[in-house]
């Protein structure tokens, strides 16, 4: 079944806040189906392995460096 809501989170050098956000989404008990997409805008890709380990239900997209917030959201939406 295709999710009804897509949540796109653009990550840039705030790993603790990102993981807190994902924990909050996990505990939210949403009444609709969600997909969560994290776009990594950081120049140095350091979160991929830990993200997949802690949150295997999250889709991870490596950006091409800091492409900006708007472009990061557009990347996640494609």
N, C-alpha and C. Protein backbone atom coordinates (compact mmCIF):
# COMPACT_ATOMS: atom_id res chain seq x y z
N UNK A 1 0.83 -1.17 0.00
CA UNK A 1 0.00 0.00 0.00
C UNK A 1 0.89 1.25 0.00
N UNK A 2 0.56 2.18 -0.84
CA UNK A 2 1.32 3.43 -0.94
C UNK A 2 0.99 4.31 0.26
N UNK A 3 2.01 4.94 0.88
CA UNK A 3 1.76 5.79 2.04
C UNK A 3 0.93 7.02 1.66
N UNK A 4 0.14 7.49 2.61
CA UNK A 4 -0.69 8.67 2.38
C UNK A 4 0.07 9.96 2.64
N UNK A 5 1.08 9.91 3.53
CA UNK A 5 1.83 11.11 3.90
C UNK A 5 3.32 10.81 3.78
N UNK A 6 4.04 11.72 3.12
CA UNK A 6 5.49 11.64 3.03
C UNK A 6 6.08 12.73 3.90
N UNK A 7 7.02 12.36 4.77
CA UNK A 7 7.72 13.31 5.62
C UNK A 7 9.15 13.37 5.11
N UNK A 8 9.56 14.56 4.65
CA UNK A 8 10.92 14.74 4.15
C UNK A 8 11.68 15.58 5.18
N UNK A 9 12.80 15.04 5.65
CA UNK A 9 13.64 15.75 6.61
C UNK A 9 14.99 15.98 5.95
N UNK A 10 15.38 17.25 5.83
CA UNK A 10 16.67 17.59 5.24
C UNK A 10 17.67 17.72 6.39
N UNK A 11 18.69 16.87 6.37
CA UNK A 11 19.70 16.83 7.43
C UNK A 11 20.92 17.66 7.05
N UNK A 12 21.38 18.49 7.98
CA UNK A 12 22.63 19.22 7.80
C UNK A 12 23.26 19.49 9.16
N UNK A 13 24.20 18.63 9.55
CA UNK A 13 25.03 18.81 10.75
C UNK A 13 24.25 18.87 12.07
N UNK A 14 23.11 18.20 12.17
CA UNK A 14 22.35 18.19 13.43
C UNK A 14 21.84 16.77 13.71
N UNK A 15 22.76 15.86 13.93
CA UNK A 15 22.40 14.44 14.06
C UNK A 15 21.50 14.18 15.28
N UNK A 16 21.77 14.83 16.40
CA UNK A 16 20.95 14.59 17.60
C UNK A 16 19.51 15.03 17.36
N UNK A 17 19.34 16.18 16.74
CA UNK A 17 18.01 16.69 16.45
C UNK A 17 17.29 15.81 15.43
N UNK A 18 18.04 15.32 14.43
CA UNK A 18 17.47 14.42 13.44
C UNK A 18 16.96 13.15 14.10
N UNK A 19 17.78 12.53 14.93
CA UNK A 19 17.37 11.29 15.57
C UNK A 19 16.21 11.52 16.54
N UNK A 20 16.17 12.66 17.22
CA UNK A 20 15.04 12.99 18.09
C UNK A 20 13.76 13.14 17.27
N UNK A 21 13.87 13.77 16.12
CA UNK A 21 12.72 13.92 15.23
C UNK A 21 12.20 12.56 14.78
N UNK A 22 13.11 11.68 14.38
CA UNK A 22 12.71 10.35 13.92
C UNK A 22 12.11 9.53 15.05
N UNK A 23 12.66 9.64 16.26
CA UNK A 23 12.07 8.95 17.42
C UNK A 23 10.65 9.44 17.66
N UNK A 24 10.45 10.75 17.54
CA UNK A 24 9.13 11.32 17.73
C UNK A 24 8.14 10.80 16.70
N UNK A 25 8.57 10.71 15.45
CA UNK A 25 7.70 10.16 14.41
C UNK A 25 7.38 8.70 14.68
N UNK A 26 8.37 7.97 15.15
CA UNK A 26 8.18 6.54 15.45
C UNK A 26 7.15 6.34 16.55
N UNK A 27 7.18 7.21 17.56
CA UNK A 27 6.28 7.09 18.71
C UNK A 27 4.92 7.76 18.49
N UNK A 28 4.73 8.41 17.38
CA UNK A 28 3.53 9.22 17.17
C UNK A 28 2.25 8.41 16.99
N UNK A 29 2.36 7.14 16.66
CA UNK A 29 1.18 6.31 16.41
C UNK A 29 0.24 6.98 15.41
N UNK A 30 0.81 7.41 14.30
CA UNK A 30 0.04 8.09 13.26
C UNK A 30 -1.13 7.23 12.82
N UNK A 31 -2.24 7.87 12.58
CA UNK A 31 -3.44 7.16 12.17
C UNK A 31 -3.52 6.97 10.66
N UNK A 32 -2.51 7.43 9.97
CA UNK A 32 -2.40 7.25 8.53
C UNK A 32 -1.02 6.69 8.21
N UNK A 33 -0.87 6.14 7.05
CA UNK A 33 0.41 5.54 6.68
C UNK A 33 1.42 6.63 6.32
N UNK A 34 2.63 6.47 6.84
CA UNK A 34 3.71 7.44 6.63
C UNK A 34 4.88 6.80 5.91
N UNK A 35 5.56 7.62 5.13
CA UNK A 35 6.90 7.27 4.68
C UNK A 35 7.79 8.42 5.13
N UNK A 36 8.97 8.09 5.61
CA UNK A 36 9.90 9.11 6.09
C UNK A 36 11.15 9.04 5.24
N UNK A 37 11.54 10.20 4.71
CA UNK A 37 12.69 10.29 3.82
C UNK A 37 13.66 11.30 4.44
N UNK A 38 14.91 10.88 4.62
CA UNK A 38 15.95 11.78 5.12
C UNK A 38 16.90 12.06 3.96
N UNK A 39 17.06 13.35 3.67
CA UNK A 39 18.01 13.79 2.65
C UNK A 39 19.23 14.34 3.38
N UNK A 40 20.40 13.76 3.11
CA UNK A 40 21.63 14.15 3.78
C UNK A 40 22.31 15.26 2.98
N UNK A 41 22.21 16.49 3.49
CA UNK A 41 22.79 17.66 2.83
C UNK A 41 24.20 17.96 3.30
N UNK A 42 24.70 17.19 4.26
CA UNK A 42 26.03 17.43 4.80
C UNK A 42 27.09 17.07 3.77
N UNK A 43 28.18 17.83 3.75
CA UNK A 43 29.27 17.55 2.81
C UNK A 43 29.94 16.22 3.11
N UNK A 44 30.05 15.88 4.39
CA UNK A 44 30.66 14.62 4.81
C UNK A 44 29.52 13.70 5.25
N UNK A 45 29.36 12.61 4.56
CA UNK A 45 28.26 11.69 4.83
C UNK A 45 28.62 10.77 6.00
N UNK A 46 28.11 11.08 7.19
CA UNK A 46 28.47 10.31 8.38
C UNK A 46 27.28 9.60 9.02
N UNK A 47 26.07 9.85 8.57
CA UNK A 47 24.90 9.31 9.28
C UNK A 47 24.30 8.07 8.66
N UNK A 48 24.66 7.72 7.45
CA UNK A 48 24.01 6.64 6.71
C UNK A 48 23.91 5.32 7.45
N UNK A 49 25.02 4.80 7.93
CA UNK A 49 25.02 3.49 8.60
C UNK A 49 24.24 3.52 9.90
N UNK A 50 24.48 4.54 10.71
CA UNK A 50 23.78 4.63 11.99
C UNK A 50 22.29 4.85 11.79
N UNK A 51 21.93 5.62 10.79
CA UNK A 51 20.52 5.87 10.49
C UNK A 51 19.82 4.57 10.11
N UNK A 52 20.43 3.80 9.23
CA UNK A 52 19.83 2.52 8.80
C UNK A 52 19.75 1.52 9.96
N UNK A 53 20.72 1.58 10.87
CA UNK A 53 20.72 0.67 12.01
C UNK A 53 19.60 1.01 12.99
N UNK A 54 19.46 2.31 13.33
CA UNK A 54 18.48 2.74 14.32
C UNK A 54 17.07 2.88 13.74
N UNK A 55 16.99 3.24 12.47
CA UNK A 55 15.70 3.52 11.85
C UNK A 55 15.61 2.85 10.47
N UNK A 56 15.50 1.53 10.43
CA UNK A 56 15.50 0.83 9.14
C UNK A 56 14.30 1.16 8.27
N UNK A 57 13.27 1.72 8.83
CA UNK A 57 12.05 2.07 8.10
C UNK A 57 12.15 3.43 7.40
N UNK A 58 13.28 4.12 7.56
CA UNK A 58 13.50 5.43 6.96
C UNK A 58 14.26 5.27 5.64
N UNK A 59 13.82 5.99 4.61
CA UNK A 59 14.55 6.02 3.34
C UNK A 59 15.65 7.08 3.46
N UNK A 60 16.84 6.75 2.99
CA UNK A 60 17.99 7.65 3.10
C UNK A 60 18.48 8.02 1.72
N UNK A 61 18.62 9.33 1.48
CA UNK A 61 19.13 9.82 0.20
C UNK A 61 20.36 10.68 0.48
N UNK A 62 21.46 10.34 -0.17
CA UNK A 62 22.69 11.14 -0.06
C UNK A 62 22.59 12.29 -1.04
N UNK A 63 22.64 13.52 -0.52
CA UNK A 63 22.69 14.68 -1.39
C UNK A 63 24.10 14.87 -1.92
N UNK A 64 24.27 15.82 -2.80
CA UNK A 64 25.58 16.11 -3.38
C UNK A 64 26.25 17.25 -2.63
N UNK A 65 26.24 17.20 -1.32
CA UNK A 65 26.75 18.30 -0.52
C UNK A 65 25.60 19.18 -0.08
N UNK A 66 25.90 20.37 0.38
CA UNK A 66 24.86 21.26 0.87
C UNK A 66 24.22 21.98 -0.32
N UNK A 67 23.13 21.41 -0.80
CA UNK A 67 22.44 21.97 -1.96
C UNK A 67 21.34 22.94 -1.54
N UNK A 68 21.17 23.11 -0.23
CA UNK A 68 20.15 24.03 0.27
C UNK A 68 18.89 23.29 0.71
N UNK A 69 18.10 23.97 1.52
CA UNK A 69 16.90 23.36 2.09
C UNK A 69 15.86 23.05 1.02
N UNK A 70 15.58 24.00 0.15
CA UNK A 70 14.57 23.80 -0.87
C UNK A 70 14.94 22.69 -1.84
N UNK A 71 16.18 22.72 -2.31
CA UNK A 71 16.64 21.69 -3.24
C UNK A 71 16.70 20.32 -2.56
N UNK A 72 17.03 20.30 -1.26
CA UNK A 72 17.02 19.05 -0.51
C UNK A 72 15.62 18.45 -0.42
N UNK A 73 14.63 19.30 -0.19
CA UNK A 73 13.24 18.82 -0.19
C UNK A 73 12.81 18.32 -1.57
N UNK A 74 13.21 19.06 -2.60
CA UNK A 74 12.88 18.61 -3.96
C UNK A 74 13.51 17.26 -4.26
N UNK A 75 14.74 17.06 -3.82
CA UNK A 75 15.42 15.77 -4.01
C UNK A 75 14.66 14.66 -3.30
N UNK A 76 14.21 14.93 -2.08
CA UNK A 76 13.46 13.93 -1.33
C UNK A 76 12.11 13.61 -1.95
N UNK A 77 11.53 14.56 -2.65
CA UNK A 77 10.21 14.37 -3.25
C UNK A 77 10.25 13.60 -4.56
N UNK A 78 11.43 13.43 -5.13
CA UNK A 78 11.51 12.75 -6.43
C UNK A 78 11.57 11.26 -6.29
